[in-house]
Amino acid sequence: MPIVSIMMIQGRSLEQKKAMFKAVTEAIVQTLGAPRESVRIVVNEVPMEHFVVGGVTREERDQMLAAQGKGAPRGA
């Protein structure tokens, strides 16, 4: 029974997550030959303010980039 753990920042719609669930399940079925019914997915959603890179929060990073005249990279 494959168990997939996904950690991501909060904010995606239920429709986006459902599409991801289907795609991840299909990838497991295709690559491992696991029965679809045996695939388990656990999603842990992290609040944006709890996601820090290099000691800097996303909000702080966005502010630094804005001060430098740069926008935040897409998907970051």
Protein backbone atom coordinates (compact mmCIF):
# COMPACT_ATOMS: atom_id res chain seq x y z
CA MET A 1 0.00 0.00 0.00
CA PRO A 2 1.82 3.16 -1.18
CA ILE A 3 1.47 6.13 1.16
CA VAL A 4 2.35 9.53 -0.29
CA SER A 5 2.97 12.47 2.03
CA ILE A 6 2.69 15.95 0.52
CA MET A 7 3.56 19.12 2.40
CA MET A 8 2.58 22.42 0.82
CA ILE A 9 1.73 26.00 1.64
CA GLN A 10 -1.96 26.68 2.27
CA GLY A 11 -4.00 28.52 -0.30
CA ARG A 12 -4.81 26.17 -3.13
CA SER A 13 -8.42 25.49 -3.98
CA LEU A 14 -10.13 22.17 -3.34
CA GLU A 15 -10.41 21.73 -7.11
CA GLN A 16 -6.63 22.12 -7.50
CA LYS A 17 -5.99 19.62 -4.73
CA LYS A 18 -8.45 17.10 -6.18
CA ALA A 19 -6.69 17.36 -9.56
CA MET A 20 -3.36 16.78 -7.80
CA PHE A 21 -4.77 13.76 -5.91
CA LYS A 22 -5.87 12.19 -9.19
CA ALA A 23 -2.55 12.92 -10.92
CA VAL A 24 -0.44 11.60 -8.04
CA THR A 25 -2.60 8.50 -7.74
CA GLU A 26 -2.28 7.87 -11.47
CA ALA A 27 1.51 8.29 -11.30
CA ILE A 28 1.74 5.72 -8.50
CA VAL A 29 -0.54 3.27 -10.32
CA GLN A 30 1.43 3.64 -13.56
CA THR A 31 4.95 3.56 -12.13
CA LEU A 32 4.56 1.05 -9.30
CA GLY A 33 1.69 -1.05 -10.62
CA ALA A 34 -0.16 -0.51 -7.35
CA PRO A 35 -3.91 -1.00 -7.30
CA ARG A 36 -5.64 2.40 -7.36
CA GLU A 37 -7.61 1.53 -4.21
CA SER A 38 -4.38 0.96 -2.28
CA VAL A 39 -2.91 4.43 -2.88
CA ARG A 40 -3.07 6.69 0.18
CA ILE A 41 -2.27 10.41 0.11
CA VAL A 42 -1.75 12.56 3.19
CA VAL A 43 -1.59 16.34 2.73
CA ASN A 44 -0.12 18.67 5.34
CA GLU A 45 -0.86 22.31 4.60
CA VAL A 46 1.46 24.86 6.18
CA PRO A 47 0.36 28.45 6.82
CA MET A 48 2.41 30.91 4.75
CA GLU A 49 3.79 32.54 7.90
CA HIS A 50 5.23 29.18 8.99
CA PHE A 51 7.27 28.74 5.80
CA VAL A 52 10.72 30.29 6.16
CA VAL A 53 13.75 30.12 3.87
CA GLY A 54 17.14 31.19 5.17
CA GLY A 55 15.57 32.73 8.27
CA VAL A 56 13.34 34.99 6.16
CA THR A 57 9.56 34.71 5.93
CA ARG A 58 7.79 34.88 2.59
CA GLU A 59 6.34 38.28 3.52
CA GLU A 60 9.81 39.63 4.40
CA ARG A 61 11.28 38.24 1.18
CA ASP A 62 8.50 39.80 -0.91
CA GLN A 63 9.11 43.15 0.80
CA MET A 64 12.86 42.93 0.09
CA LEU A 65 12.23 42.09 -3.56
CA ALA A 66 9.73 44.94 -3.88
CA ALA A 67 12.29 47.36 -2.41
CA GLN A 68 14.80 46.14 -5.00
CA GLY A 69 12.23 46.64 -7.78
CA LYS A 70 11.83 42.92 -8.39
CA GLY A 71 8.67 40.89 -8.15
CA ALA A 72 8.44 37.55 -6.41
CA PRO A 73 9.20 34.60 -8.73
CA ARG A 74 6.16 32.66 -9.91
CA GLY A 75 5.43 29.58 -7.84
CA ALA A 76 7.79 30.62 -5.09
